[in-house]
């Protein structure tokens, strides 16, 4: 009778909070797909600028820079609580995880409120011209992802506040933080094309 060998794996961790987890790569894959969509939006903007003699159209007022710039700074600064939660999840520091997530949720809500007010007073609709269409699409795409990221962070925050936190949940926190970095990075070129570029040389003027 052949003796059966048994390997004791009871000492191995139940889960991991780094790139060894499949969900980590799934999260990165999702960002690649969504990043491609954002890149297509920028490419469309550049194509329309090259194809139109008057860009932005003469009827488009130059954008107010104050609140969009405050919003950009707010979003960039939010990397601090996101990074805090990210690093704390590796250490298993629940207090720092919760603190970072609370600040991210607060920042996301404030960012969305400022954006809503700003877009309500932007001076043109998506149906007015091609410029309005692509600007509203670009802002809309990023807004949708900001709502999703803020909502996901809020749900995770509720979980880590009221239920036992496993390594799988800490991995979710880290994936959420990485997605938050993605939100920050993708808005910077959009900010340039929507708010800075119109103040530069107007094509056709």
N, C-alpha and C. Protein backbone atom coordinates (compact mmCIF):
# COMPACT_ATOMS: atom_id res chain seq x y z
N UNK A 1 0.85 -1.19 0.00
CA UNK A 1 0.00 0.00 0.00
C UNK A 1 0.89 1.25 0.00
N UNK A 2 0.61 2.18 -0.91
CA UNK A 2 1.42 3.39 -1.02
C UNK A 2 1.06 4.38 0.08
N UNK A 3 2.09 4.91 0.71
CA UNK A 3 1.87 5.88 1.77
C UNK A 3 1.49 7.24 1.17
N UNK A 4 0.42 7.83 1.65
CA UNK A 4 -0.07 9.10 1.12
C UNK A 4 0.61 10.26 1.84
N UNK A 5 1.16 11.18 1.05
CA UNK A 5 1.81 12.34 1.62
C UNK A 5 0.80 13.47 1.82
N UNK A 6 0.92 14.14 2.93
CA UNK A 6 0.02 15.24 3.27
C UNK A 6 0.86 16.48 3.58
N UNK A 7 0.47 17.59 2.97
CA UNK A 7 1.17 18.85 3.19
C UNK A 7 0.35 19.72 4.12
N UNK A 8 0.94 20.14 5.22
CA UNK A 8 0.24 20.98 6.20
C UNK A 8 0.33 22.46 5.77
N UNK A 9 -0.79 23.02 5.38
CA UNK A 9 -0.82 24.42 4.94
C UNK A 9 -1.60 25.30 5.93
N UNK A 10 -1.79 24.81 7.13
CA UNK A 10 -2.58 25.55 8.11
C UNK A 10 -1.93 26.86 8.53
N UNK A 11 -0.60 26.94 8.36
CA UNK A 11 0.10 28.17 8.76
C UNK A 11 0.07 29.25 7.69
N UNK A 12 -0.39 28.92 6.49
CA UNK A 12 -0.44 29.90 5.41
C UNK A 12 -1.56 30.90 5.67
N UNK A 13 -1.38 32.15 5.23
CA UNK A 13 -2.44 33.15 5.42
C UNK A 13 -3.68 32.81 4.61
N UNK A 14 -4.85 33.17 5.17
CA UNK A 14 -6.11 32.89 4.49
C UNK A 14 -6.25 33.76 3.24
N UNK A 15 -5.78 34.99 3.33
CA UNK A 15 -5.88 35.92 2.21
C UNK A 15 -4.66 36.81 2.15
N UNK A 16 -4.61 37.64 1.14
CA UNK A 16 -3.49 38.56 0.96
C UNK A 16 -4.03 39.93 0.58
N UNK A 17 -3.26 40.96 0.88
CA UNK A 17 -3.72 42.32 0.58
C UNK A 17 -2.81 43.00 -0.46
N UNK A 18 -2.17 42.19 -1.29
CA UNK A 18 -1.27 42.76 -2.28
C UNK A 18 -1.53 42.16 -3.66
N UNK A 19 -0.56 42.29 -4.55
CA UNK A 19 -0.75 41.90 -5.94
C UNK A 19 -0.84 40.39 -6.16
N UNK A 20 -0.69 39.61 -5.11
CA UNK A 20 -0.87 38.16 -5.25
C UNK A 20 -2.34 37.77 -5.38
N UNK A 21 -3.23 38.69 -5.05
CA UNK A 21 -4.67 38.42 -5.12
C UNK A 21 -5.19 38.68 -6.54
N UNK A 22 -6.09 37.84 -7.01
CA UNK A 22 -6.63 37.99 -8.36
C UNK A 22 -7.44 39.27 -8.51
N UNK A 23 -8.15 39.68 -7.44
CA UNK A 23 -8.98 40.89 -7.54
C UNK A 23 -8.12 42.13 -7.77
N UNK A 24 -6.86 42.08 -7.31
CA UNK A 24 -5.95 43.20 -7.53
C UNK A 24 -5.75 43.43 -9.04
N UNK A 25 -5.52 42.32 -9.75
CA UNK A 25 -5.31 42.41 -11.19
C UNK A 25 -6.60 42.70 -11.94
N UNK A 26 -7.71 42.21 -11.40
CA UNK A 26 -9.00 42.56 -12.00
C UNK A 26 -9.27 44.06 -11.89
N UNK A 27 -8.91 44.64 -10.74
CA UNK A 27 -9.07 46.07 -10.54
C UNK A 27 -8.21 46.87 -11.52
N UNK A 28 -6.97 46.44 -11.69
CA UNK A 28 -6.07 47.10 -12.64
C UNK A 28 -6.57 46.97 -14.08
N UNK A 29 -7.09 45.78 -14.41
CA UNK A 29 -7.64 45.57 -15.75
C UNK A 29 -8.82 46.48 -16.03
N UNK A 30 -9.67 46.66 -15.02
CA UNK A 30 -10.82 47.56 -15.17
C UNK A 30 -10.34 48.99 -15.42
N UNK A 31 -9.29 49.41 -14.71
CA UNK A 31 -8.78 50.77 -14.89
C UNK A 31 -8.14 50.95 -16.27
N UNK A 32 -7.54 49.90 -16.79
CA UNK A 32 -6.98 49.97 -18.15
C UNK A 32 -8.11 50.20 -19.16
N UNK A 33 -9.20 49.46 -19.00
CA UNK A 33 -10.34 49.62 -19.91
C UNK A 33 -10.93 51.02 -19.80
N UNK A 34 -11.15 51.47 -18.56
CA UNK A 34 -11.74 52.79 -18.37
C UNK A 34 -10.76 53.90 -18.77
N UNK A 35 -9.47 53.67 -18.54
CA UNK A 35 -8.47 54.65 -18.97
C UNK A 35 -8.46 54.79 -20.48
N UNK A 36 -8.67 53.68 -21.19
CA UNK A 36 -8.76 53.73 -22.65
C UNK A 36 -9.95 54.57 -23.09
N UNK A 37 -11.05 54.45 -22.36
CA UNK A 37 -12.24 55.25 -22.67
C UNK A 37 -11.96 56.74 -22.46
N UNK A 38 -11.27 57.07 -21.38
CA UNK A 38 -10.91 58.46 -21.13
C UNK A 38 -9.97 58.97 -22.23
N UNK A 39 -9.02 58.14 -22.64
CA UNK A 39 -8.08 58.52 -23.70
C UNK A 39 -8.83 58.77 -25.01
N UNK A 40 -9.85 57.97 -25.27
CA UNK A 40 -10.66 58.18 -26.48
C UNK A 40 -11.40 59.52 -26.42
N UNK A 41 -11.83 59.92 -25.22
CA UNK A 41 -12.47 61.21 -25.07
C UNK A 41 -11.52 62.35 -25.39
N UNK A 42 -10.28 62.25 -24.89
CA UNK A 42 -9.27 63.27 -25.18
C UNK A 42 -8.93 63.29 -26.66
N UNK A 43 -8.80 62.10 -27.26
CA UNK A 43 -8.50 62.02 -28.69
C UNK A 43 -9.61 62.65 -29.52
N UNK A 44 -10.85 62.44 -29.11
CA UNK A 44 -11.99 63.05 -29.81
C UNK A 44 -11.94 64.56 -29.71
N UNK A 45 -11.61 65.05 -28.52
CA UNK A 45 -11.49 66.51 -28.31
C UNK A 45 -10.43 67.09 -29.25
N UNK A 46 -9.26 66.44 -29.31
CA UNK A 46 -8.17 66.93 -30.16
C UNK A 46 -8.57 66.86 -31.64
N UNK A 47 -9.25 65.78 -32.02
CA UNK A 47 -9.69 65.65 -33.43
C UNK A 47 -10.66 66.77 -33.79
N UNK A 48 -11.62 67.03 -32.92
CA UNK A 48 -12.60 68.08 -33.20
C UNK A 48 -11.93 69.46 -33.27
N UNK A 49 -10.94 69.66 -32.43
CA UNK A 49 -10.22 70.92 -32.47
C UNK A 49 -9.49 71.10 -33.81
N UNK A 50 -8.92 70.01 -34.32
CA UNK A 50 -8.21 70.09 -35.60
C UNK A 50 -9.19 70.25 -36.77
N UNK A 51 -10.38 69.70 -36.64
CA UNK A 51 -11.34 69.70 -37.75
C UNK A 51 -12.20 70.95 -37.83
N UNK A 52 -12.21 71.75 -36.73
CA UNK A 52 -13.04 72.95 -36.71
C UNK A 52 -12.17 74.20 -36.75
N UNK A 53 -12.58 75.16 -37.57
CA UNK A 53 -11.83 76.41 -37.69
C UNK A 53 -12.00 77.30 -36.46
N UNK A 54 -13.16 77.21 -35.84
CA UNK A 54 -13.46 78.05 -34.67
C UNK A 54 -13.54 77.16 -33.44
N UNK A 55 -12.49 77.15 -32.61
CA UNK A 55 -12.45 76.23 -31.46
C UNK A 55 -11.72 76.85 -30.29
N UNK A 56 -12.36 77.00 -29.15
CA UNK A 56 -13.79 76.78 -28.90
C UNK A 56 -14.63 77.77 -29.71
N UNK A 57 -15.91 77.48 -29.92
CA UNK A 57 -16.76 78.41 -30.67
C UNK A 57 -16.78 79.80 -30.03
N UNK A 58 -16.94 80.80 -30.85
CA UNK A 58 -16.91 82.18 -30.36
C UNK A 58 -18.01 82.45 -29.34
N UNK A 59 -19.09 81.65 -29.38
CA UNK A 59 -20.19 81.85 -28.44
C UNK A 59 -19.91 81.27 -27.06
N UNK A 60 -18.82 80.53 -26.95
CA UNK A 60 -18.49 79.89 -25.67
C UNK A 60 -17.71 80.87 -24.79
N UNK A 61 -18.23 81.22 -23.62
CA UNK A 61 -17.49 82.13 -22.74
C UNK A 61 -16.26 81.42 -22.16
N UNK A 62 -15.23 82.21 -21.90
CA UNK A 62 -14.07 81.61 -21.26
C UNK A 62 -14.45 81.13 -19.87
N UNK A 63 -14.01 79.93 -19.51
CA UNK A 63 -14.48 79.33 -18.26
C UNK A 63 -13.93 80.03 -17.03
N UNK A 64 -14.75 80.05 -15.98
CA UNK A 64 -14.29 80.53 -14.68
C UNK A 64 -13.26 79.53 -14.15
N UNK A 65 -12.12 80.02 -13.69
CA UNK A 65 -11.04 79.14 -13.25
C UNK A 65 -11.04 78.88 -11.75
N UNK A 66 -11.73 79.71 -10.98
CA UNK A 66 -11.61 79.64 -9.53
C UNK A 66 -12.08 78.30 -8.97
N UNK A 67 -13.36 77.98 -9.16
CA UNK A 67 -13.90 76.77 -8.54
C UNK A 67 -13.38 75.48 -9.17
N UNK A 68 -13.21 75.43 -10.50
CA UNK A 68 -12.59 74.24 -11.06
C UNK A 68 -11.18 73.99 -10.53
N UNK A 69 -10.41 75.08 -10.31
CA UNK A 69 -9.06 74.93 -9.78
C UNK A 69 -9.09 74.48 -8.33
N UNK A 70 -10.01 75.06 -7.55
CA UNK A 70 -10.17 74.61 -6.16
C UNK A 70 -10.54 73.13 -6.13
N UNK A 71 -11.41 72.72 -7.04
CA UNK A 71 -11.82 71.32 -7.11
C UNK A 71 -10.65 70.41 -7.48
N UNK A 72 -9.82 70.88 -8.42
CA UNK A 72 -8.65 70.10 -8.80
C UNK A 72 -7.69 69.93 -7.62
N UNK A 73 -7.44 71.03 -6.92
CA UNK A 73 -6.55 70.96 -5.75
C UNK A 73 -7.13 70.03 -4.69
N UNK A 74 -8.45 70.14 -4.48
CA UNK A 74 -9.13 69.28 -3.51
C UNK A 74 -8.94 67.81 -3.88
N UNK A 75 -9.08 67.50 -5.15
CA UNK A 75 -8.94 66.11 -5.60
C UNK A 75 -7.50 65.64 -5.44
N UNK A 76 -6.54 66.48 -5.79
CA UNK A 76 -5.13 66.09 -5.66
C UNK A 76 -4.76 65.87 -4.19
N UNK A 77 -5.23 66.77 -3.32
CA UNK A 77 -4.93 66.63 -1.89
C UNK A 77 -5.55 65.36 -1.31
N UNK A 78 -6.65 64.89 -1.91
CA UNK A 78 -7.31 63.69 -1.40
C UNK A 78 -6.46 62.44 -1.56
N UNK A 79 -5.33 62.55 -2.27
CA UNK A 79 -4.41 61.41 -2.36
C UNK A 79 -3.85 61.08 -0.98
N UNK A 80 -3.81 62.08 -0.08
CA UNK A 80 -3.24 61.86 1.26
C UNK A 80 -4.10 60.88 2.07
N UNK A 81 -5.42 61.13 2.24
CA UNK A 81 -6.23 60.14 2.97
C UNK A 81 -6.33 58.80 2.24
N UNK A 82 -6.33 58.83 0.90
CA UNK A 82 -6.38 57.57 0.16
C UNK A 82 -5.12 56.75 0.41
N UNK A 83 -3.97 57.42 0.39
CA UNK A 83 -2.70 56.74 0.65
C UNK A 83 -2.63 56.27 2.10
N UNK A 84 -3.19 57.07 3.01
CA UNK A 84 -3.23 56.68 4.43
C UNK A 84 -3.99 55.38 4.62
N UNK A 85 -5.18 55.30 4.00
CA UNK A 85 -5.99 54.08 4.10
C UNK A 85 -5.29 52.91 3.43
N UNK A 86 -4.66 53.17 2.30
CA UNK A 86 -3.94 52.14 1.55
C UNK A 86 -2.84 51.52 2.39
N UNK A 87 -1.96 52.37 2.93
CA UNK A 87 -0.83 51.87 3.73
C UNK A 87 -1.31 51.23 5.04
N UNK A 88 -2.35 51.80 5.63
CA UNK A 88 -2.88 51.26 6.88
C UNK A 88 -3.48 49.88 6.69
N UNK A 89 -4.07 49.64 5.52
CA UNK A 89 -4.65 48.32 5.23
C UNK A 89 -3.56 47.25 5.21
N UNK A 90 -2.37 47.60 4.75
CA UNK A 90 -1.26 46.64 4.75
C UNK A 90 -0.87 46.29 6.18
N UNK A 91 -0.86 47.29 7.06
CA UNK A 91 -0.47 47.07 8.46
C UNK A 91 -1.60 46.49 9.30
N UNK A 92 -2.84 46.60 8.80
CA UNK A 92 -3.98 46.16 9.59
C UNK A 92 -4.39 47.19 10.63
N UNK A 93 -4.04 48.46 10.41
CA UNK A 93 -4.36 49.55 11.33
C UNK A 93 -5.77 50.07 10.99
N UNK A 94 -6.76 49.55 11.70
CA UNK A 94 -8.14 49.87 11.37
C UNK A 94 -8.49 51.32 11.63
N UNK A 95 -7.93 51.92 12.67
CA UNK A 95 -8.23 53.33 12.95
C UNK A 95 -7.80 54.22 11.79
N UNK A 96 -6.59 54.01 11.28
CA UNK A 96 -6.09 54.80 10.16
C UNK A 96 -6.88 54.49 8.89
N UNK A 97 -7.27 53.23 8.71
CA UNK A 97 -8.10 52.87 7.54
C UNK A 97 -9.41 53.64 7.56
N UNK A 98 -10.07 53.62 8.71
CA UNK A 98 -11.36 54.31 8.83
C UNK A 98 -11.22 55.82 8.66
N UNK A 99 -10.18 56.38 9.26
CA UNK A 99 -9.97 57.83 9.15
C UNK A 99 -9.74 58.24 7.70
N UNK A 100 -8.88 57.50 7.00
CA UNK A 100 -8.60 57.80 5.60
C UNK A 100 -9.84 57.68 4.74
N UNK A 101 -10.65 56.67 4.99
CA UNK A 101 -11.86 56.47 4.20
C UNK A 101 -12.90 57.55 4.46
N UNK A 102 -13.04 57.97 5.71
CA UNK A 102 -13.98 59.06 6.03
C UNK A 102 -13.60 60.33 5.27
N UNK A 103 -12.31 60.65 5.26
CA UNK A 103 -11.84 61.84 4.56
C UNK A 103 -12.04 61.72 3.05
N UNK A 104 -11.84 60.51 2.50
CA UNK A 104 -12.07 60.31 1.07
C UNK A 104 -13.53 60.51 0.70
N UNK A 105 -14.42 59.96 1.52
CA UNK A 105 -15.86 60.12 1.25
C UNK A 105 -16.25 61.59 1.34
N UNK A 106 -15.77 62.28 2.36
CA UNK A 106 -16.07 63.71 2.52
C UNK A 106 -15.56 64.49 1.32
N UNK A 107 -14.33 64.21 0.90
CA UNK A 107 -13.74 64.90 -0.24
C UNK A 107 -14.53 64.62 -1.52
N UNK A 108 -14.91 63.35 -1.72
CA UNK A 108 -15.68 63.00 -2.92
C UNK A 108 -17.00 63.72 -3.00
N UNK A 109 -17.71 63.81 -1.87
CA UNK A 109 -19.01 64.49 -1.85
C UNK A 109 -18.83 65.98 -2.12
N UNK A 110 -17.83 66.60 -1.47
CA UNK A 110 -17.58 68.02 -1.67
C UNK A 110 -17.18 68.30 -3.12
N UNK A 111 -16.35 67.43 -3.67
CA UNK A 111 -15.93 67.57 -5.07
C UNK A 111 -17.13 67.53 -6.00
N UNK A 112 -18.05 66.61 -5.76
CA UNK A 112 -19.23 66.47 -6.62
C UNK A 112 -20.17 67.66 -6.48
N UNK A 113 -20.30 68.21 -5.27
CA UNK A 113 -21.16 69.38 -5.07
C UNK A 113 -20.61 70.58 -5.85
N UNK A 114 -19.29 70.81 -5.73
CA UNK A 114 -18.67 71.93 -6.45
C UNK A 114 -18.81 71.74 -7.96
N UNK A 115 -18.61 70.51 -8.42
CA UNK A 115 -18.72 70.25 -9.86
C UNK A 115 -20.14 70.49 -10.35
N UNK A 116 -21.13 70.08 -9.58
CA UNK A 116 -22.52 70.27 -9.98
C UNK A 116 -22.83 71.75 -10.15
N UNK A 117 -22.41 72.56 -9.18
CA UNK A 117 -22.65 74.01 -9.25
C UNK A 117 -21.90 74.61 -10.44
N UNK A 118 -20.67 74.17 -10.64
CA UNK A 118 -19.86 74.70 -11.73
C UNK A 118 -20.46 74.37 -13.09
N UNK A 119 -20.89 73.13 -13.29
CA UNK A 119 -21.45 72.73 -14.58
C UNK A 119 -22.81 73.38 -14.83
N UNK A 120 -23.53 73.70 -13.76
CA UNK A 120 -24.81 74.37 -13.93
C UNK A 120 -24.63 75.79 -14.46
N UNK A 121 -23.42 76.35 -14.29
CA UNK A 121 -23.16 77.72 -14.72
C UNK A 121 -22.06 77.79 -15.78
N UNK A 122 -21.85 76.71 -16.52
CA UNK A 122 -20.74 76.68 -17.48
C UNK A 122 -21.02 77.53 -18.71
N UNK A 123 -22.29 77.79 -19.01
CA UNK A 123 -22.62 78.72 -20.09
C UNK A 123 -23.05 78.09 -21.40
N UNK A 124 -23.07 76.78 -21.50
CA UNK A 124 -23.53 76.11 -22.72
C UNK A 124 -23.97 74.69 -22.37
N UNK A 125 -24.82 74.14 -23.25
CA UNK A 125 -25.34 72.79 -23.04
C UNK A 125 -24.63 71.80 -23.96
N UNK A 126 -24.83 70.54 -23.70
CA UNK A 126 -24.24 69.49 -24.54
C UNK A 126 -24.80 69.47 -25.95
N UNK A 127 -26.00 70.05 -26.11
CA UNK A 127 -26.67 70.03 -27.42
C UNK A 127 -26.40 71.28 -28.25
N UNK A 128 -25.61 72.21 -27.74
CA UNK A 128 -25.39 73.47 -28.46
C UNK A 128 -24.45 73.32 -29.65
N UNK A 129 -23.39 72.55 -29.50
CA UNK A 129 -22.38 72.38 -30.55
C UNK A 129 -21.48 71.22 -30.18
N UNK A 130 -20.57 70.87 -31.10
CA UNK A 130 -19.66 69.74 -30.86
C UNK A 130 -18.78 69.97 -29.64
N UNK A 131 -18.38 71.22 -29.44
CA UNK A 131 -17.55 71.54 -28.28
C UNK A 131 -18.31 71.23 -26.99
N UNK A 132 -19.56 71.70 -26.92
CA UNK A 132 -20.37 71.42 -25.74
C UNK A 132 -20.56 69.92 -25.53
N UNK A 133 -20.77 69.18 -26.61
CA UNK A 133 -20.99 67.74 -26.50
C UNK A 133 -19.79 67.03 -25.89
N UNK A 134 -18.58 67.31 -26.42
CA UNK A 134 -17.41 66.59 -25.94
C UNK A 134 -17.03 67.01 -24.53
N UNK A 135 -17.21 68.30 -24.20
CA UNK A 135 -16.91 68.75 -22.84
C UNK A 135 -17.84 68.08 -21.83
N UNK A 136 -19.13 68.05 -22.13
CA UNK A 136 -20.08 67.42 -21.21
C UNK A 136 -19.85 65.91 -21.11
N UNK A 137 -19.45 65.29 -22.21
CA UNK A 137 -19.15 63.85 -22.16
C UNK A 137 -17.93 63.59 -21.27
N UNK A 138 -16.89 64.40 -21.44
CA UNK A 138 -15.68 64.21 -20.64
C UNK A 138 -15.96 64.42 -19.15
N UNK A 139 -16.66 65.50 -18.84
CA UNK A 139 -17.02 65.76 -17.44
C UNK A 139 -17.95 64.69 -16.91
N UNK A 140 -18.91 64.29 -17.74
CA UNK A 140 -19.88 63.27 -17.32
C UNK A 140 -19.22 61.94 -17.02
N UNK A 141 -18.26 61.53 -17.86
CA UNK A 141 -17.56 60.27 -17.62
C UNK A 141 -16.83 60.30 -16.29
N UNK A 142 -16.11 61.39 -16.05
CA UNK A 142 -15.35 61.47 -14.80
C UNK A 142 -16.28 61.59 -13.60
N UNK A 143 -17.37 62.32 -13.75
CA UNK A 143 -18.33 62.45 -12.66
C UNK A 143 -18.94 61.11 -12.29
N UNK A 144 -19.30 60.33 -13.31
CA UNK A 144 -19.86 59.00 -13.06
C UNK A 144 -18.88 58.14 -12.26
N UNK A 145 -17.62 58.17 -12.63
CA UNK A 145 -16.62 57.37 -11.93
C UNK A 145 -16.36 57.91 -10.52
N UNK A 146 -16.46 59.21 -10.35
CA UNK A 146 -16.30 59.79 -9.01
C UNK A 146 -17.44 59.37 -8.10
N UNK A 147 -18.66 59.38 -8.63
CA UNK A 147 -19.82 58.91 -7.86
C UNK A 147 -19.63 57.45 -7.46
N UNK A 148 -19.17 56.64 -8.42
CA UNK A 148 -18.97 55.21 -8.15
C UNK A 148 -17.89 55.01 -7.09
N UNK A 149 -16.78 55.73 -7.20
CA UNK A 149 -15.68 55.57 -6.24
C UNK A 149 -16.08 56.04 -4.85
N UNK A 150 -16.79 57.16 -4.79
CA UNK A 150 -17.24 57.68 -3.50
C UNK A 150 -18.25 56.74 -2.86
N UNK A 151 -19.18 56.24 -3.67
CA UNK A 151 -20.17 55.30 -3.15
C UNK A 151 -19.55 54.01 -2.67
N UNK A 152 -18.61 53.48 -3.43
CA UNK A 152 -17.93 52.25 -3.03
C UNK A 152 -17.15 52.45 -1.73
N UNK A 153 -16.46 53.59 -1.62
CA UNK A 153 -15.70 53.88 -0.40
C UNK A 153 -16.63 54.01 0.79
N UNK A 154 -17.79 54.62 0.60
CA UNK A 154 -18.78 54.77 1.67
C UNK A 154 -19.28 53.40 2.14
N UNK A 155 -19.60 52.52 1.19
CA UNK A 155 -20.07 51.19 1.56
C UNK A 155 -19.00 50.40 2.31
N UNK A 156 -17.75 50.50 1.84
CA UNK A 156 -16.66 49.83 2.53
C UNK A 156 -16.45 50.41 3.93
N UNK A 157 -16.60 51.72 4.04
CA UNK A 157 -16.45 52.38 5.35
C UNK A 157 -17.50 51.86 6.33
N UNK A 158 -18.75 51.76 5.87
CA UNK A 158 -19.81 51.23 6.73
C UNK A 158 -19.47 49.82 7.18
N UNK A 159 -18.93 49.02 6.26
CA UNK A 159 -18.58 47.64 6.59
C UNK A 159 -17.49 47.60 7.66
N UNK A 160 -16.41 48.35 7.44
CA UNK A 160 -15.28 48.28 8.39
C UNK A 160 -15.61 48.93 9.73
N UNK A 161 -16.70 49.72 9.77
CA UNK A 161 -17.12 50.31 11.04
C UNK A 161 -17.96 49.35 11.88
N UNK A 162 -18.72 48.48 11.23
CA UNK A 162 -19.72 47.71 11.97
C UNK A 162 -19.54 46.19 11.89
N UNK A 163 -18.64 45.70 11.05
CA UNK A 163 -18.46 44.26 10.92
C UNK A 163 -16.99 43.89 11.10
N UNK A 164 -16.71 42.65 11.45
CA UNK A 164 -15.31 42.22 11.57
C UNK A 164 -14.58 42.37 10.24
N UNK A 165 -13.37 42.88 10.31
CA UNK A 165 -12.61 43.18 9.09
C UNK A 165 -11.62 42.05 8.81
N UNK A 166 -11.83 41.38 7.70
CA UNK A 166 -10.93 40.30 7.27
C UNK A 166 -9.89 40.86 6.30
N UNK A 167 -8.93 40.00 5.94
CA UNK A 167 -7.91 40.42 4.99
C UNK A 167 -8.52 40.71 3.62
N UNK A 168 -9.60 40.00 3.28
CA UNK A 168 -10.26 40.27 2.01
C UNK A 168 -10.85 41.68 1.97
N UNK A 169 -11.39 42.14 3.11
CA UNK A 169 -11.93 43.50 3.15
C UNK A 169 -10.81 44.53 3.10
N UNK A 170 -9.68 44.23 3.73
CA UNK A 170 -8.53 45.13 3.65
C UNK A 170 -8.01 45.22 2.22
N UNK A 171 -8.10 44.10 1.49
CA UNK A 171 -7.74 44.12 0.07
C UNK A 171 -8.69 45.02 -0.70
N UNK A 172 -9.98 44.98 -0.37
CA UNK A 172 -10.96 45.85 -1.01
C UNK A 172 -10.62 47.32 -0.75
N UNK A 173 -10.19 47.62 0.47
CA UNK A 173 -9.80 48.99 0.81
C UNK A 173 -8.63 49.44 -0.07
N UNK A 174 -7.65 48.56 -0.24
CA UNK A 174 -6.48 48.90 -1.06
C UNK A 174 -6.87 49.09 -2.54
N UNK A 175 -7.73 48.23 -3.04
CA UNK A 175 -8.18 48.37 -4.43
C UNK A 175 -8.96 49.68 -4.61
N UNK A 176 -9.77 50.03 -3.61
CA UNK A 176 -10.49 51.29 -3.67
C UNK A 176 -9.56 52.49 -3.67
N UNK A 177 -8.48 52.40 -2.88
CA UNK A 177 -7.51 53.49 -2.84
C UNK A 177 -6.79 53.64 -4.18
N UNK A 178 -6.43 52.51 -4.80
CA UNK A 178 -5.77 52.55 -6.11
C UNK A 178 -6.71 53.18 -7.15
N UNK A 179 -7.99 52.86 -7.06
CA UNK A 179 -8.97 53.45 -7.98
C UNK A 179 -9.09 54.95 -7.75
N UNK A 180 -8.93 55.36 -6.49
CA UNK A 180 -8.98 56.79 -6.18
C UNK A 180 -7.80 57.51 -6.83
N UNK A 181 -6.62 56.88 -6.82
CA UNK A 181 -5.47 57.47 -7.52
C UNK A 181 -5.79 57.64 -9.01
N UNK A 182 -6.47 56.65 -9.55
CA UNK A 182 -6.85 56.67 -10.96
C UNK A 182 -7.77 57.86 -11.27
N UNK A 183 -8.72 58.14 -10.37
CA UNK A 183 -9.61 59.29 -10.54
C UNK A 183 -8.84 60.60 -10.60
N UNK A 184 -7.85 60.73 -9.72
CA UNK A 184 -7.05 61.95 -9.66
C UNK A 184 -6.26 62.14 -10.96
N UNK A 185 -5.58 61.07 -11.39
CA UNK A 185 -4.72 61.15 -12.57
C UNK A 185 -5.53 61.48 -13.82
N UNK A 186 -6.70 60.86 -13.97
CA UNK A 186 -7.49 61.05 -15.19
C UNK A 186 -8.10 62.44 -15.28
N UNK A 187 -8.35 63.10 -14.14
CA UNK A 187 -8.98 64.41 -14.21
C UNK A 187 -7.99 65.50 -14.62
N UNK A 188 -6.71 65.35 -14.38
CA UNK A 188 -5.73 66.39 -14.68
C UNK A 188 -5.72 66.78 -16.17
N UNK A 189 -5.63 65.84 -17.12
CA UNK A 189 -5.68 66.26 -18.54
C UNK A 189 -7.05 66.82 -18.93
N UNK A 190 -8.12 66.29 -18.34
CA UNK A 190 -9.45 66.85 -18.63
C UNK A 190 -9.52 68.30 -18.18
N UNK A 191 -9.00 68.59 -17.01
CA UNK A 191 -8.98 69.95 -16.49
C UNK A 191 -8.25 70.88 -17.46
N UNK A 192 -7.12 70.42 -17.99
CA UNK A 192 -6.35 71.24 -18.91
C UNK A 192 -7.15 71.56 -20.17
N UNK A 193 -7.75 70.55 -20.79
CA UNK A 193 -8.47 70.77 -22.05
C UNK A 193 -9.75 71.59 -21.86
N UNK A 194 -10.44 71.40 -20.74
CA UNK A 194 -11.72 72.06 -20.53
C UNK A 194 -11.57 73.48 -19.99
N UNK A 195 -10.61 73.68 -19.08
CA UNK A 195 -10.53 74.97 -18.39
C UNK A 195 -9.30 75.81 -18.75
N UNK A 196 -8.17 75.19 -19.01
CA UNK A 196 -6.96 75.95 -19.31
C UNK A 196 -6.85 76.28 -20.80
N UNK A 197 -7.09 75.29 -21.66
CA UNK A 197 -6.93 75.47 -23.11
C UNK A 197 -7.75 76.62 -23.68
N UNK A 198 -9.03 76.85 -23.23
CA UNK A 198 -9.78 77.99 -23.79
C UNK A 198 -9.14 79.35 -23.48
N UNK A 199 -8.34 79.45 -22.44
CA UNK A 199 -7.68 80.71 -22.11
C UNK A 199 -6.42 80.91 -22.94
N UNK A 200 -5.95 79.88 -23.59
CA UNK A 200 -4.81 79.98 -24.48
C UNK A 200 -5.29 80.53 -25.83
N UNK A 201 -4.49 80.45 -26.84
CA UNK A 201 -4.86 81.00 -28.16
C UNK A 201 -6.13 80.30 -28.67
N UNK A 202 -7.15 81.09 -28.96
CA UNK A 202 -8.40 80.53 -29.50
C UNK A 202 -8.26 80.32 -31.00
N UNK A 203 -8.45 79.09 -31.44
CA UNK A 203 -8.33 78.81 -32.87
C UNK A 203 -9.39 79.53 -33.65
N UNK A 204 -8.99 80.24 -34.69
CA UNK A 204 -9.93 80.96 -35.54
C UNK A 204 -10.04 82.43 -35.19
N UNK A 205 -9.41 82.84 -34.07
CA UNK A 205 -9.49 84.25 -33.67
C UNK A 205 -8.38 85.06 -34.31
